């Protein structure tokens, strides 16, 4: 699998007062927002990070956005739960090299 065939992302919880869950898609950042977004993610508490396949990434992003909504509403969701929900859209280890 080529680097361009997957999207690297991280779900994190903001540091400070707000502490909302957010997502950053690292491989989709542009020069003008790359440093800011990476710094925000690094300052927060990591919840889940990984890759989704570029093919059908819109469906995977909907699952991620729904998970963030649920987390921000106080629902208990584990990284393993999210991993299961994204399994169809996640590159397998053999595809990662």
N, C-alpha and C. Protein backbone atom coordinates (compact mmCIF):
# COMPACT_ATOMS: atom_id res chain seq x y z
N UNK A 1 0.84 -1.17 0.00
CA UNK A 1 0.00 0.00 0.00
C UNK A 1 0.89 1.24 0.00
N UNK A 2 0.61 2.15 -0.90
CA UNK A 2 1.37 3.38 -0.99
C UNK A 2 0.97 4.34 0.12
N UNK A 3 1.88 5.24 0.48
CA UNK A 3 1.61 6.24 1.51
C UNK A 3 0.36 7.05 1.16
N UNK A 4 0.16 7.33 -0.12
CA UNK A 4 -0.99 8.13 -0.54
C UNK A 4 -2.31 7.35 -0.48
N UNK A 5 -2.24 6.05 -0.23
CA UNK A 5 -3.44 5.21 -0.17
C UNK A 5 -4.05 5.15 1.22
N UNK A 6 -3.46 5.86 2.19
CA UNK A 6 -3.99 5.83 3.54
C UNK A 6 -3.89 7.22 4.17
N UNK A 7 -4.74 7.44 5.16
CA UNK A 7 -4.81 8.71 5.86
C UNK A 7 -4.47 8.47 7.32
N UNK A 8 -3.48 9.18 7.83
CA UNK A 8 -3.07 9.07 9.23
C UNK A 8 -3.90 10.07 10.04
N UNK A 9 -4.44 9.59 11.18
CA UNK A 9 -5.26 10.47 12.00
C UNK A 9 -5.04 10.19 13.48
N UNK A 10 -5.52 11.12 14.30
CA UNK A 10 -5.49 10.96 15.75
C UNK A 10 -6.73 11.61 16.34
N UNK A 11 -7.36 10.89 17.25
CA UNK A 11 -8.44 11.45 18.05
C UNK A 11 -7.81 11.78 19.39
N UNK A 12 -8.05 12.99 19.84
CA UNK A 12 -7.45 13.43 21.10
C UNK A 12 -8.45 14.26 21.89
N UNK A 13 -8.17 14.39 23.17
CA UNK A 13 -8.98 15.23 24.04
C UNK A 13 -8.20 16.50 24.31
N UNK A 14 -8.82 17.63 24.07
CA UNK A 14 -8.16 18.91 24.25
C UNK A 14 -7.68 19.09 25.69
N UNK A 15 -6.55 19.75 25.82
CA UNK A 15 -6.04 20.10 27.14
C UNK A 15 -6.78 21.35 27.62
N UNK A 16 -6.75 21.59 28.90
CA UNK A 16 -7.34 22.80 29.45
C UNK A 16 -8.79 22.63 29.85
N UNK A 17 -9.49 23.74 29.88
CA UNK A 17 -10.84 23.79 30.41
C UNK A 17 -11.86 23.03 29.57
N UNK A 18 -11.84 23.19 28.28
CA UNK A 18 -12.86 22.64 27.38
C UNK A 18 -12.85 21.12 27.37
N UNK A 19 -11.71 20.52 27.15
CA UNK A 19 -11.50 19.06 27.12
C UNK A 19 -12.45 18.32 26.18
N UNK A 20 -12.75 18.92 25.04
CA UNK A 20 -13.56 18.24 24.02
C UNK A 20 -12.68 17.30 23.21
N UNK A 21 -13.29 16.24 22.71
CA UNK A 21 -12.60 15.33 21.81
C UNK A 21 -12.60 15.92 20.41
N UNK A 22 -11.49 15.76 19.71
CA UNK A 22 -11.33 16.26 18.34
C UNK A 22 -10.54 15.25 17.54
N UNK A 23 -10.52 15.45 16.24
CA UNK A 23 -9.72 14.60 15.35
C UNK A 23 -8.85 15.48 14.48
N UNK A 24 -7.67 14.99 14.19
CA UNK A 24 -6.80 15.65 13.22
C UNK A 24 -6.37 14.59 12.21
N UNK A 25 -6.51 14.92 10.94
CA UNK A 25 -6.08 14.04 9.85
C UNK A 25 -4.73 14.57 9.37
N UNK A 26 -3.68 14.01 9.91
CA UNK A 26 -2.33 14.54 9.68
C UNK A 26 -1.96 14.61 8.20
N UNK A 27 -2.30 13.59 7.44
CA UNK A 27 -1.88 13.54 6.04
C UNK A 27 -2.72 14.45 5.15
N UNK A 28 -3.72 15.11 5.72
CA UNK A 28 -4.54 16.04 4.94
C UNK A 28 -4.31 17.50 5.34
N UNK A 29 -3.35 17.74 6.21
CA UNK A 29 -3.05 19.10 6.62
C UNK A 29 -2.30 19.84 5.51
N UNK A 30 -2.46 21.13 5.51
CA UNK A 30 -1.78 21.98 4.54
C UNK A 30 -0.70 22.78 5.25
N UNK A 31 0.18 23.38 4.49
CA UNK A 31 1.28 24.16 5.07
C UNK A 31 0.79 25.23 6.04
N UNK A 32 -0.33 25.87 5.74
CA UNK A 32 -0.79 26.98 6.57
C UNK A 32 -1.36 26.54 7.92
N UNK A 33 -1.79 25.28 8.06
CA UNK A 33 -2.36 24.85 9.34
C UNK A 33 -1.65 23.66 9.97
N UNK A 34 -0.64 23.15 9.33
CA UNK A 34 0.03 21.94 9.80
C UNK A 34 0.58 22.09 11.22
N UNK A 35 1.39 23.10 11.44
CA UNK A 35 2.03 23.26 12.75
C UNK A 35 1.02 23.49 13.87
N UNK A 36 0.04 24.33 13.63
CA UNK A 36 -0.98 24.62 14.64
C UNK A 36 -1.75 23.36 15.02
N UNK A 37 -2.22 22.63 14.04
CA UNK A 37 -3.03 21.43 14.31
C UNK A 37 -2.22 20.34 15.00
N UNK A 38 -0.99 20.16 14.58
CA UNK A 38 -0.13 19.15 15.23
C UNK A 38 0.13 19.54 16.67
N UNK A 39 0.41 20.81 16.92
CA UNK A 39 0.66 21.27 18.29
C UNK A 39 -0.57 21.08 19.18
N UNK A 40 -1.75 21.35 18.64
CA UNK A 40 -2.99 21.13 19.42
C UNK A 40 -3.14 19.66 19.79
N UNK A 41 -2.91 18.79 18.83
CA UNK A 41 -3.04 17.36 19.09
C UNK A 41 -2.00 16.89 20.11
N UNK A 42 -0.77 17.37 19.98
CA UNK A 42 0.29 16.98 20.91
C UNK A 42 0.04 17.49 22.33
N UNK A 43 -0.62 18.64 22.45
CA UNK A 43 -0.91 19.20 23.77
C UNK A 43 -2.05 18.47 24.46
N UNK A 44 -2.87 17.77 23.68
CA UNK A 44 -4.02 17.05 24.23
C UNK A 44 -3.66 15.65 24.67
N UNK A 45 -4.68 14.94 25.12
CA UNK A 45 -4.53 13.55 25.57
C UNK A 45 -4.99 12.63 24.44
N UNK A 46 -4.09 11.79 23.95
CA UNK A 46 -4.41 10.90 22.84
C UNK A 46 -5.45 9.87 23.26
N UNK A 47 -6.47 9.69 22.42
CA UNK A 47 -7.48 8.67 22.65
C UNK A 47 -7.27 7.49 21.69
N UNK A 48 -7.02 7.81 20.42
CA UNK A 48 -6.84 6.75 19.41
C UNK A 48 -6.11 7.35 18.22
N UNK A 49 -5.18 6.60 17.67
CA UNK A 49 -4.54 7.04 16.43
C UNK A 49 -4.35 5.86 15.52
N UNK A 50 -4.28 6.15 14.26
CA UNK A 50 -4.11 5.07 13.29
C UNK A 50 -4.23 5.58 11.87
N UNK A 51 -4.57 4.66 10.99
CA UNK A 51 -4.72 4.96 9.57
C UNK A 51 -6.07 4.45 9.10
N UNK A 52 -6.61 5.15 8.12
CA UNK A 52 -7.77 4.64 7.39
C UNK A 52 -7.37 4.60 5.92
N UNK A 53 -7.97 3.68 5.19
CA UNK A 53 -7.71 3.60 3.76
C UNK A 53 -8.28 4.83 3.08
N UNK A 54 -7.57 5.33 2.10
CA UNK A 54 -8.04 6.48 1.33
C UNK A 54 -9.33 6.12 0.59
N UNK A 55 -9.41 4.86 0.13
CA UNK A 55 -10.61 4.36 -0.53
C UNK A 55 -11.72 4.27 0.51
N UNK A 56 -12.82 4.92 0.30
CA UNK A 56 -13.96 4.97 1.22
C UNK A 56 -13.63 5.72 2.52
N UNK A 57 -12.71 6.66 2.45
CA UNK A 57 -12.35 7.40 3.66
C UNK A 57 -13.52 8.24 4.17
N UNK A 58 -14.42 8.66 3.30
CA UNK A 58 -15.56 9.46 3.75
C UNK A 58 -16.45 8.67 4.71
N UNK A 59 -16.64 7.37 4.42
CA UNK A 59 -17.42 6.53 5.33
C UNK A 59 -16.70 6.37 6.67
N UNK A 60 -15.40 6.18 6.63
CA UNK A 60 -14.61 6.05 7.85
C UNK A 60 -14.66 7.34 8.66
N UNK A 61 -14.59 8.47 7.99
CA UNK A 61 -14.65 9.76 8.68
C UNK A 61 -16.00 9.96 9.37
N UNK A 62 -17.07 9.46 8.77
CA UNK A 62 -18.39 9.54 9.41
C UNK A 62 -18.41 8.75 10.70
N UNK A 63 -17.78 7.58 10.70
CA UNK A 63 -17.69 6.76 11.92
C UNK A 63 -16.88 7.50 12.97
N UNK A 64 -15.78 8.12 12.57
CA UNK A 64 -14.93 8.86 13.50
C UNK A 64 -15.70 10.06 14.08
N UNK A 65 -16.37 10.81 13.23
CA UNK A 65 -17.14 11.97 13.69
C UNK A 65 -18.25 11.55 14.65
N UNK A 66 -18.90 10.45 14.36
CA UNK A 66 -19.95 9.95 15.25
C UNK A 66 -19.36 9.53 16.60
N UNK A 67 -18.19 8.91 16.58
CA UNK A 67 -17.52 8.52 17.83
C UNK A 67 -17.17 9.75 18.65
N UNK A 68 -16.68 10.79 17.99
CA UNK A 68 -16.35 12.04 18.70
C UNK A 68 -17.60 12.66 19.30
N UNK A 69 -18.68 12.66 18.57
CA UNK A 69 -19.95 13.19 19.11
C UNK A 69 -20.36 12.43 20.35
N UNK A 70 -20.30 11.10 20.28
CA UNK A 70 -20.69 10.26 21.42
C UNK A 70 -19.78 10.52 22.62
N UNK A 71 -18.47 10.62 22.39
CA UNK A 71 -17.54 10.89 23.48
C UNK A 71 -17.81 12.25 24.11
N UNK A 72 -18.05 13.25 23.29
CA UNK A 72 -18.31 14.60 23.81
C UNK A 72 -19.64 14.70 24.54
N UNK A 73 -20.55 13.77 24.28
CA UNK A 73 -21.82 13.73 25.00
C UNK A 73 -21.72 12.89 26.27
N UNK A 74 -20.52 12.37 26.56
CA UNK A 74 -20.30 11.64 27.80
C UNK A 74 -20.45 10.14 27.71
N UNK A 75 -20.69 9.62 26.52
CA UNK A 75 -20.83 8.18 26.37
C UNK A 75 -19.47 7.50 26.55
N UNK A 76 -19.49 6.34 27.16
CA UNK A 76 -18.26 5.57 27.33
C UNK A 76 -17.99 4.80 26.05
N UNK A 77 -16.84 5.05 25.49
CA UNK A 77 -16.42 4.39 24.25
C UNK A 77 -14.93 4.11 24.40
N UNK A 78 -14.54 2.89 24.17
CA UNK A 78 -13.13 2.54 24.31
C UNK A 78 -12.44 2.61 22.95
N UNK A 79 -11.12 2.75 22.96
CA UNK A 79 -10.39 2.69 21.69
C UNK A 79 -10.65 1.38 20.94
N UNK A 80 -10.83 0.29 21.68
CA UNK A 80 -11.10 -1.00 21.05
C UNK A 80 -12.46 -1.00 20.35
N UNK A 81 -13.45 -0.31 20.95
CA UNK A 81 -14.76 -0.19 20.31
C UNK A 81 -14.62 0.52 18.96
N UNK A 82 -13.88 1.61 18.97
CA UNK A 82 -13.68 2.37 17.74
C UNK A 82 -12.90 1.56 16.72
N UNK A 83 -11.91 0.83 17.18
CA UNK A 83 -11.12 -0.01 16.28
C UNK A 83 -12.01 -1.03 15.57
N UNK A 84 -12.94 -1.63 16.30
CA UNK A 84 -13.87 -2.59 15.69
C UNK A 84 -14.76 -1.90 14.65
N UNK A 85 -15.24 -0.70 14.98
CA UNK A 85 -16.11 0.02 14.06
C UNK A 85 -15.39 0.43 12.78
N UNK A 86 -14.08 0.68 12.89
CA UNK A 86 -13.29 1.11 11.74
C UNK A 86 -12.59 -0.04 11.00
N UNK A 87 -12.74 -1.26 11.47
CA UNK A 87 -11.98 -2.40 10.93
C UNK A 87 -12.07 -2.51 9.41
N UNK A 88 -13.23 -2.28 8.85
CA UNK A 88 -13.42 -2.40 7.40
C UNK A 88 -12.62 -1.34 6.62
N UNK A 89 -12.27 -0.25 7.28
CA UNK A 89 -11.61 0.88 6.62
C UNK A 89 -10.14 1.04 7.01
N UNK A 90 -9.64 0.11 7.79
CA UNK A 90 -8.27 0.20 8.32
C UNK A 90 -7.35 -0.72 7.53
N UNK A 91 -6.20 -0.21 7.08
CA UNK A 91 -5.24 -1.08 6.40
C UNK A 91 -4.74 -2.18 7.35
N UNK A 92 -4.57 -3.34 6.82
CA UNK A 92 -4.04 -4.46 7.59
C UNK A 92 -2.52 -4.35 7.67
N UNK A 93 -1.88 -5.02 8.65
CA UNK A 93 -0.42 -4.91 8.81
C UNK A 93 0.38 -5.15 7.51
N UNK A 94 -0.06 -6.08 6.70
CA UNK A 94 0.66 -6.37 5.45
C UNK A 94 0.57 -5.19 4.49
N UNK A 95 -0.50 -4.40 4.60
CA UNK A 95 -0.68 -3.23 3.73
C UNK A 95 0.12 -2.03 4.21
N UNK A 96 0.57 -2.06 5.45
CA UNK A 96 1.22 -0.90 6.05
C UNK A 96 2.68 -0.76 5.63
N UNK A 97 3.30 -1.80 5.15
CA UNK A 97 4.72 -1.70 4.81
C UNK A 97 4.95 -1.22 3.41
